[in-house]
């Protein structure tokens, strides 16, 4: 790799930024519960939502009279985007060897791996926030021995239906459209008596995600499979980030340009890749990436947390 020319030395590298944003790590659940909302300032006041968005209002207007009006949402707690950065290191030996193999672009691979590190760090933060029962305003249920979803007396369908009703009551009619299952929960609950009995005539083997969507009557089911190792050698194995939980939430769908009533959001200045630079003492190219973001639960009543879901 040659040294950067003047045109390549821009602060933000658009080509590498596109490469990073075009690669989405698998098994992460944060986007499903806390979809990103782009902002331009690193601090501000988040928009929160109460019953004002769901109040029945009188809209009949006499000719010449003023139209009814109202605001939706209110300025809640302040937020401050946290700066997160990581420089992916590409030794020149690795780069030179990869050039001999068609189809391998170590620069793109380094940028994508850097994004994965940044996103895994955020997945850890989002999991800690979304599995904390104090963030749900009472919308929580801890299952006990004998009633877990993979046990004979477990009632996964009724449990999710009750969670959905709690969300509906708290949001004026919104129903949970996203169910996040920890990897362990997904793998074990499919073999529970209730789910197996309901799907045995339409499915051979373990019920699929489509079967679970139908069983739970939820639009989106996301399996949170992400895990992390304590060190690069993974000597202690891997630890699930989402553990033994199921989270039902109403989450705004589609491309989100501004906050709408929803369980939560990720306020962010979207991730950018800066132009690479060379450090001679380590004989490596460095590929810096920056991501300013903050995880925010803005509608706790729009979520429901179930814990100790399987044995």
Protein backbone atom coordinates (compact mmCIF):
# COMPACT_ATOMS: atom_id res chain seq x y z
CA UNK A 1 0.00 0.00 0.00
CA UNK A 2 1.35 3.40 -0.95
CA UNK A 3 1.20 6.40 1.30
CA UNK A 4 -1.93 8.54 1.18
CA UNK A 5 -2.09 11.17 -1.51
CA UNK A 6 -3.54 14.59 -0.73
CA UNK A 7 -6.96 13.50 -1.97
CA UNK A 8 -6.84 10.40 0.22
CA UNK A 9 -5.86 12.31 3.33
CA UNK A 10 -9.31 13.68 4.04
CA UNK A 11 -10.46 13.34 7.63
CA UNK A 12 -13.36 11.04 6.71
CA UNK A 13 -12.85 8.34 4.13
CA UNK A 14 -16.16 7.84 2.28
CA UNK A 15 -15.17 4.56 0.61
CA UNK A 16 -14.19 2.87 3.86
CA UNK A 17 -17.20 4.37 5.62
CA UNK A 18 -19.48 2.75 3.03
CA UNK A 19 -17.62 -0.53 3.45
CA UNK A 20 -18.13 -0.38 7.21
CA UNK A 21 -21.80 0.58 7.08
CA UNK A 22 -22.51 -2.01 4.41
CA UNK A 23 -21.34 -4.78 6.72
CA UNK A 24 -23.73 -5.69 9.52
CA UNK A 25 -22.53 -8.12 12.19
CA UNK A 26 -24.92 -11.01 12.80
CA UNK A 27 -26.55 -12.11 16.04
CA UNK A 28 -26.82 -8.60 17.51
CA UNK A 29 -30.13 -7.47 18.96
CA UNK A 30 -29.59 -3.79 19.79
CA UNK A 31 -31.04 -2.51 16.50
CA UNK A 32 -34.25 -4.45 17.11
CA UNK A 33 -34.95 -2.82 20.49
CA UNK A 34 -33.06 0.50 20.20
CA UNK A 35 -33.16 1.50 16.52
CA UNK A 36 -30.73 4.27 15.55
CA UNK A 37 -31.85 7.88 15.22
CA UNK A 38 -29.23 10.16 13.65
CA UNK A 39 -28.54 13.43 15.43
CA UNK A 40 -26.17 16.27 14.64
CA UNK A 41 -25.33 17.38 18.18
CA UNK A 42 -23.39 15.39 20.75
CA UNK A 43 -25.78 16.40 23.51
CA UNK A 44 -29.36 17.49 23.92
CA UNK A 45 -32.68 16.48 25.45
CA UNK A 46 -34.30 13.25 24.43
CA UNK A 47 -37.96 13.12 23.44
CA UNK A 48 -39.99 10.92 25.76
CA UNK A 49 -43.56 9.76 25.33
CA UNK A 50 -46.48 9.61 27.71
CA UNK A 51 -50.24 9.21 27.26
CA UNK A 52 -50.50 12.51 25.36
CA UNK A 53 -49.88 10.67 22.10
CA UNK A 54 -52.89 8.44 22.72
CA UNK A 55 -55.50 10.81 24.17
CA UNK A 56 -58.82 10.99 22.29
CA UNK A 57 -59.20 14.64 21.25
CA UNK A 58 -62.07 16.72 19.98
CA UNK A 59 -61.27 17.70 16.40
CA UNK A 60 -64.63 19.08 15.21
CA UNK A 61 -64.17 22.71 14.25
CA UNK A 62 -66.84 25.35 13.63
CA UNK A 63 -66.28 27.50 10.51
CA UNK A 64 -63.89 30.34 11.32
CA UNK A 65 -62.81 28.88 14.65
CA UNK A 66 -59.35 27.72 15.61
CA UNK A 67 -58.30 24.14 14.98
CA UNK A 68 -57.55 21.94 17.93
CA UNK A 69 -53.84 21.52 18.59
CA UNK A 70 -51.49 19.57 20.76
CA UNK A 71 -47.94 18.35 21.13
CA UNK A 72 -46.79 14.76 21.20
CA UNK A 73 -44.00 13.68 23.44
CA UNK A 74 -42.11 15.99 25.75
CA UNK A 75 -38.55 16.98 26.49
CA UNK A 76 -37.29 14.42 28.95
CA UNK A 77 -33.89 13.60 30.34
CA UNK A 78 -30.77 15.05 28.75
CA UNK A 79 -28.62 12.76 26.66
CA UNK A 80 -24.94 12.97 25.88
CA UNK A 81 -23.43 10.94 23.08
CA UNK A 82 -20.45 8.95 24.22
CA UNK A 83 -17.44 8.91 21.86
CA UNK A 84 -16.23 5.42 20.99
CA UNK A 85 -13.22 4.82 18.76
CA UNK A 86 -11.12 1.91 17.63
CA UNK A 87 -8.19 1.69 15.24
CA UNK A 88 -8.01 -1.55 13.29
CA UNK A 89 -4.39 -2.60 12.77
CA UNK A 90 -3.24 -4.19 9.52
CA UNK A 91 0.42 -5.33 9.51
CA UNK A 92 2.02 -4.80 6.11
CA UNK A 93 3.02 -8.49 6.01
CA UNK A 94 -0.62 -9.57 6.19
CA UNK A 95 -1.61 -7.05 3.56
CA UNK A 96 1.13 -8.10 1.17
CA UNK A 97 0.35 -11.80 1.54
CA UNK A 98 -3.35 -11.22 0.98
CA UNK A 99 -2.62 -9.41 -2.28
CA UNK A 100 -1.44 -12.74 -3.73
CA UNK A 101 -4.87 -14.30 -3.20
CA UNK A 102 -7.66 -13.14 -5.55
CA UNK A 103 -10.78 -11.81 -3.84
CA UNK A 104 -9.22 -10.97 -0.48
CA UNK A 105 -9.13 -7.29 0.44
CA UNK A 106 -7.52 -6.97 3.85
CA UNK A 107 -8.30 -3.26 4.08
CA UNK A 108 -12.05 -3.93 3.82
CA UNK A 109 -11.79 -6.89 6.18
CA UNK A 110 -9.94 -4.76 8.75
CA UNK A 111 -12.58 -2.02 8.57
CA UNK A 112 -15.40 -4.55 8.94
CA UNK A 113 -13.73 -6.24 11.90
CA UNK A 114 -13.28 -2.82 13.49
CA UNK A 115 -16.97 -2.12 13.11
CA UNK A 116 -17.75 -5.48 14.68
CA UNK A 117 -15.67 -4.59 17.73
CA UNK A 118 -17.48 -1.26 18.10
CA UNK A 119 -20.90 -2.88 17.70
CA UNK A 120 -20.15 -5.73 20.10
CA UNK A 121 -19.20 -3.15 22.71
CA UNK A 122 -22.53 -1.43 22.18
CA UNK A 123 -24.40 -4.73 22.22
CA UNK A 124 -22.98 -5.29 25.71
CA UNK A 125 -24.18 -1.85 26.79
CA UNK A 126 -27.64 -2.31 25.24
CA UNK A 127 -28.03 -5.74 26.84
CA UNK A 128 -27.15 -4.38 30.28
CA UNK A 129 -29.72 -1.58 29.84
CA UNK A 130 -32.52 -3.72 28.43
CA UNK A 131 -32.15 -6.60 30.90
CA UNK A 132 -32.31 -4.29 33.93
CA UNK A 133 -35.75 -4.73 35.48
CA UNK A 134 -35.70 -1.23 36.98
CA UNK A 135 -36.00 0.25 33.48
CA UNK A 136 -39.48 -1.18 32.82
CA UNK A 137 -41.71 0.66 35.27
CA UNK A 138 -43.06 -2.57 36.74
CA UNK A 139 -43.51 -4.39 33.42
CA UNK A 140 -41.48 -7.41 34.51
CA UNK A 141 -41.99 -11.06 35.36
CA UNK A 142 -39.45 -13.45 36.88
CA UNK A 143 -40.42 -17.05 36.15
CA UNK A 144 -39.96 -19.60 38.90
CA UNK A 145 -39.01 -23.26 38.96
CA UNK A 146 -41.73 -25.41 37.42
CA UNK A 147 -43.16 -22.57 35.31
CA UNK A 148 -40.27 -21.95 32.96
CA UNK A 149 -40.88 -22.28 29.25
CA UNK A 150 -39.05 -25.58 28.81
CA UNK A 151 -40.83 -27.22 31.78
CA UNK A 152 -44.06 -29.20 31.84
CA UNK A 153 -46.07 -26.40 33.47
CA UNK A 154 -44.48 -23.60 31.48
CA UNK A 155 -46.89 -21.32 29.63
CA UNK A 156 -44.86 -19.30 27.10
CA UNK A 157 -47.85 -18.28 24.98
CA UNK A 158 -49.98 -16.95 27.85
CA UNK A 159 -46.91 -15.28 29.40
CA UNK A 160 -46.23 -13.31 26.21
CA UNK A 161 -49.94 -12.55 25.78
CA UNK A 162 -50.05 -11.12 29.32
CA UNK A 163 -46.94 -9.05 28.57
CA UNK A 164 -48.58 -7.79 25.41
CA UNK A 165 -51.68 -6.74 27.34
CA UNK A 166 -49.53 -4.85 29.86
CA UNK A 167 -47.90 -2.96 26.97
CA UNK A 168 -51.30 -2.24 25.39
CA UNK A 169 -52.64 -0.85 28.64
CA UNK A 170 -49.55 1.31 29.17
CA UNK A 171 -49.45 2.75 25.64
CA UNK A 172 -53.09 3.30 24.80
CA UNK A 173 -53.41 0.42 22.36
CA UNK A 174 -49.93 -0.26 20.99
CA UNK A 175 -49.01 -3.93 21.03
CA UNK A 176 -45.63 -5.55 21.21
CA UNK A 177 -44.24 -6.10 17.72
CA UNK A 178 -40.75 -7.32 18.62
CA UNK A 179 -39.80 -10.28 20.81
CA UNK A 180 -36.13 -10.70 21.64
CA UNK A 181 -35.11 -14.12 22.90
CA UNK A 182 -31.74 -14.87 24.41
CA UNK A 183 -29.87 -17.56 22.51
CA UNK A 184 -30.34 -20.05 25.34
CA UNK A 185 -34.05 -19.26 25.57
CA UNK A 186 -34.55 -19.80 21.84
CA UNK A 187 -32.67 -23.10 21.81
CA UNK A 188 -34.47 -24.57 24.81
CA UNK A 189 -38.01 -23.20 24.72
CA UNK A 190 -38.70 -24.72 21.30
CA UNK A 191 -38.68 -28.15 22.95
CA UNK A 192 -41.11 -27.20 25.72
CA UNK A 193 -44.40 -29.10 25.80
CA UNK A 194 -46.64 -26.13 24.95
CA UNK A 195 -44.78 -25.00 21.83
CA UNK A 196 -44.06 -28.53 20.63
CA UNK A 197 -47.72 -29.49 21.04
CA UNK A 198 -48.98 -26.46 19.12
CA UNK A 199 -46.62 -26.94 16.19
CA UNK A 200 -46.27 -30.74 15.90
CA UNK A 201 -48.76 -31.05 13.04
CA UNK A 202 -47.14 -28.41 10.85
CA UNK A 203 -43.45 -28.82 11.59
CA UNK A 204 -41.01 -31.69 11.58
CA UNK A 205 -38.29 -31.33 14.13
CA UNK A 206 -37.79 -28.22 16.21
CA UNK A 207 -40.20 -25.31 15.55
CA UNK A 208 -38.74 -22.64 13.30
CA UNK A 209 -38.75 -18.87 13.77
CA UNK A 210 -41.84 -18.67 11.56
CA UNK A 211 -43.58 -21.17 13.81
CA UNK A 212 -42.68 -19.11 16.86
CA UNK A 213 -43.96 -15.91 15.22
CA UNK A 214 -47.28 -17.63 14.67
CA UNK A 215 -47.34 -19.20 18.12
CA UNK A 216 -46.56 -15.96 19.97
CA UNK A 217 -48.48 -13.80 17.45
CA UNK A 218 -45.56 -11.35 17.26
CA UNK A 219 -44.41 -9.69 14.03
CA UNK A 220 -40.66 -9.87 14.68
CA UNK A 221 -38.74 -12.44 16.68
CA UNK A 222 -35.05 -11.76 17.16
CA UNK A 223 -32.62 -14.29 18.58
CA UNK A 224 -29.92 -12.48 20.57
CA UNK A 225 -27.01 -14.86 20.03
CA UNK A 226 -24.18 -12.45 20.80
CA UNK A 227 -21.54 -13.56 23.26
CA UNK A 228 -18.17 -12.23 24.30
CA UNK A 229 -14.88 -13.67 25.49
CA UNK A 230 -12.90 -12.27 28.39
CA UNK A 231 -9.65 -12.46 26.42
CA UNK A 232 -8.46 -13.01 22.86
CA UNK A 233 -7.70 -16.67 23.51
CA UNK A 234 -11.21 -17.23 24.93
CA UNK A 235 -9.62 -19.28 27.71
CA UNK A 236 -12.71 -18.89 29.85
CA UNK A 237 -15.12 -19.60 27.01
CA UNK A 238 -17.85 -17.23 25.92
CA UNK A 239 -20.54 -15.47 27.95
CA UNK A 240 -24.00 -14.71 26.59
CA UNK A 241 -24.76 -11.00 26.66
CA UNK A 242 -28.55 -11.42 26.80
CA UNK A 243 -28.55 -14.49 29.03
CA UNK A 244 -31.85 -16.05 30.12
CA UNK A 245 -34.38 -13.40 29.10
CA UNK A 246 -37.27 -12.66 26.76
CA UNK A 247 -38.15 -9.04 25.99
CA UNK A 248 -41.38 -7.98 24.31
CA UNK A 249 -41.54 -4.40 23.07
CA UNK A 250 -43.34 -2.04 20.79
CA UNK A 251 -40.60 -0.60 18.55
CA UNK A 252 -41.03 2.00 15.82
CA UNK A 253 -40.42 0.39 12.42
CA UNK A 254 -38.82 1.51 9.17
CA UNK A 255 -36.33 4.30 8.56
CA UNK A 256 -36.50 6.62 11.56
CA UNK A 257 -35.59 10.27 10.99
CA UNK A 258 -37.06 11.51 14.26
CA UNK A 259 -38.24 9.83 17.46
CA UNK A 260 -41.76 8.39 17.44
CA UNK A 261 -43.50 6.60 20.33
CA UNK A 262 -41.35 3.51 20.93
CA UNK A 263 -39.61 1.52 23.65
CA UNK A 264 -36.20 3.03 23.01
CA UNK A 265 -33.67 4.46 20.61
CA UNK A 266 -30.00 4.77 19.90
CA UNK A 267 -29.13 8.44 19.46
CA UNK A 268 -26.08 8.50 17.24
CA UNK A 269 -23.76 10.35 14.97
CA UNK A 270 -23.44 7.48 12.48
CA UNK A 271 -20.24 5.48 12.48
CA UNK A 272 -17.49 6.86 10.26
CA UNK A 273 -14.18 5.50 9.01
CA UNK A 274 -11.33 7.97 8.97
CA UNK A 275 -8.53 7.80 6.47
CA UNK A 276 -5.92 5.17 7.31
CA UNK A 277 -2.45 6.16 8.44
CA UNK A 278 0.85 4.30 8.62
CA UNK A 279 2.89 3.74 11.79
CA UNK A 280 6.42 2.69 10.99
CA UNK A 281 7.32 1.44 14.47
CA UNK A 282 4.74 -1.34 14.21
CA UNK A 283 5.01 -1.65 10.39
CA UNK A 284 1.25 -1.41 10.14
CA UNK A 285 -1.57 0.57 8.63
CA UNK A 286 -4.14 1.81 11.12
CA UNK A 287 -7.80 2.15 10.14
CA UNK A 288 -9.56 4.47 12.64
CA UNK A 289 -13.31 4.37 13.18
CA UNK A 290 -15.45 6.65 15.36
CA UNK A 291 -18.97 6.20 16.67
CA UNK A 292 -20.78 8.67 18.93
CA UNK A 293 -23.90 7.12 20.43
CA UNK A 294 -26.13 6.75 23.48
CA UNK A 295 -28.68 4.05 24.39
CA UNK A 296 -31.97 5.56 25.57
CA UNK A 297 -35.17 3.93 26.85
CA UNK A 298 -37.80 6.59 26.15
CA UNK A 299 -41.00 4.57 26.65
CA UNK A 300 -40.56 2.02 29.44
CA UNK A 301 -44.24 1.11 29.32
CA UNK A 302 -43.74 -0.07 25.73
CA UNK A 303 -41.54 -2.93 26.90
CA UNK A 304 -41.89 -6.02 29.09
CA UNK A 305 -39.02 -8.06 30.54
CA UNK A 306 -39.27 -11.75 31.40
CA UNK A 307 -36.34 -13.28 33.29
CA UNK A 308 -35.33 -16.82 34.30
CA UNK A 309 -37.25 -17.96 31.24
CA UNK A 310 -35.75 -21.46 30.84
CA UNK A 311 -33.92 -23.85 33.13
